[in-house]
Amino acid sequence: MPNFALDPPVHVGKPEAIVRSIEQAADFVRNCEMENLDGDTSGLLEKLQNVQSPEQAHDAGRAFKAWLDQRDLLLVAPDAR
């Protein structure tokens, strides 16, 4: 999988981290949901793993942020307040 940057980086909680790339986003999803892979999660993981272009990376990044928001894991960056 080619690695694309997330711009801007995504701030997540539980554990708190900054996700800067599609590859890191896929790793975060895998680590968070290994025991409980629901349909939304497996679909997101597939989308992240299959990114091949900047446009797909942009769409996958938006889907990742929405997935985090649904789980109350999306944090606002300190400089975005």
Protein backbone atom coordinates (compact mmCIF):
# COMPACT_ATOMS: atom_id res chain seq x y z
CA MET A 1 0.00 0.00 0.00
CA PRO A 2 1.47 3.38 -0.94
CA ASN A 3 1.62 5.64 2.08
CA PHE A 4 -0.15 9.00 1.86
CA ALA A 5 -0.06 11.78 4.44
CA LEU A 6 -3.16 12.96 6.26
CA ASP A 7 -3.30 16.73 6.00
CA PRO A 8 -3.90 17.99 8.57
CA PRO A 9 -2.84 15.18 10.92
CA VAL A 10 -5.64 13.67 13.00
CA HIS A 11 -5.52 13.90 16.80
CA VAL A 12 -7.05 10.85 18.47
CA GLY A 13 -7.63 9.75 22.04
CA LYS A 14 -7.65 6.48 23.99
CA PRO A 15 -4.64 6.25 23.63
CA GLU A 16 -3.87 9.82 22.71
CA ALA A 17 -1.87 10.01 19.49
CA ILE A 18 -1.41 11.99 16.30
CA VAL A 19 -2.10 10.03 13.12
CA ARG A 20 -0.15 11.48 10.21
CA SER A 21 -0.65 8.93 7.43
CA ILE A 22 -3.07 6.46 5.91
CA GLU A 23 -0.80 3.63 7.07
CA GLN A 24 -0.89 4.91 10.66
CA ALA A 25 -4.68 5.25 10.43
CA ALA A 26 -4.99 1.60 9.32
CA ASP A 27 -2.72 0.53 12.20
CA PHE A 28 -4.80 2.56 14.67
CA VAL A 29 -8.05 0.96 13.47
CA ARG A 30 -6.52 -2.53 13.64
CA ASN A 31 -5.24 -1.95 17.19
CA CYS A 32 -8.51 -0.42 18.46
CA GLU A 33 -10.96 -2.91 17.07
CA MET A 34 -9.25 -6.31 16.86
CA GLU A 35 -11.87 -8.04 18.99
CA ASN A 36 -14.88 -6.15 17.68
CA LEU A 37 -14.67 -5.76 13.90
CA ASP A 38 -18.14 -4.52 12.98
CA GLY A 39 -19.20 -3.78 9.41
CA ASP A 40 -18.23 -0.12 9.60
CA THR A 41 -14.80 -0.95 10.95
CA SER A 42 -13.99 -3.69 8.47
CA GLY A 43 -15.19 -1.47 5.61
CA LEU A 44 -13.00 1.40 6.81
CA LEU A 45 -10.01 -0.88 7.22
CA GLU A 46 -10.47 -2.18 3.68
CA LYS A 47 -10.75 1.40 2.37
CA LEU A 48 -7.56 2.43 4.18
CA GLN A 49 -5.64 -0.63 3.00
CA ASN A 50 -6.66 -0.16 -0.64
CA VAL A 51 -5.66 3.49 -1.07
CA GLN A 52 -3.74 3.94 -4.32
CA SER A 53 -4.15 7.65 -5.12
CA PRO A 54 -4.26 11.04 -3.39
CA GLU A 55 -8.02 11.21 -4.05
CA GLN A 56 -8.59 7.84 -2.38
CA ALA A 57 -6.37 8.95 0.50
CA HIS A 58 -8.50 12.07 0.95
CA ASP A 59 -11.73 10.02 1.00
CA ALA A 60 -10.22 7.44 3.36
CA GLY A 61 -9.01 10.22 5.67
CA ARG A 62 -12.52 11.69 5.86
CA ALA A 63 -13.96 8.23 6.56
CA PHE A 64 -11.35 7.69 9.30
CA LYS A 65 -12.26 11.00 10.95
CA ALA A 66 -15.98 10.14 10.82
CA TRP A 67 -15.27 6.69 12.31
CA LEU A 68 -13.30 8.31 15.15
CA ASP A 69 -16.03 10.88 15.75
CA GLN A 70 -18.69 8.15 16.03
CA ARG A 71 -16.61 6.52 18.77
CA ASP A 72 -15.78 9.79 20.60
CA LEU A 73 -12.09 9.32 19.76
CA LEU A 74 -11.59 12.41 17.60
CA LEU A 75 -9.73 15.15 19.44
CA VAL A 76 -9.38 18.74 18.34
CA ALA A 77 -5.77 19.75 17.86
CA PRO A 78 -4.66 22.35 20.44
CA ASP A 79 -3.82 24.85 17.68
CA ALA A 80 -7.27 24.41 16.04
CA ARG A 81 -9.23 25.82 18.98
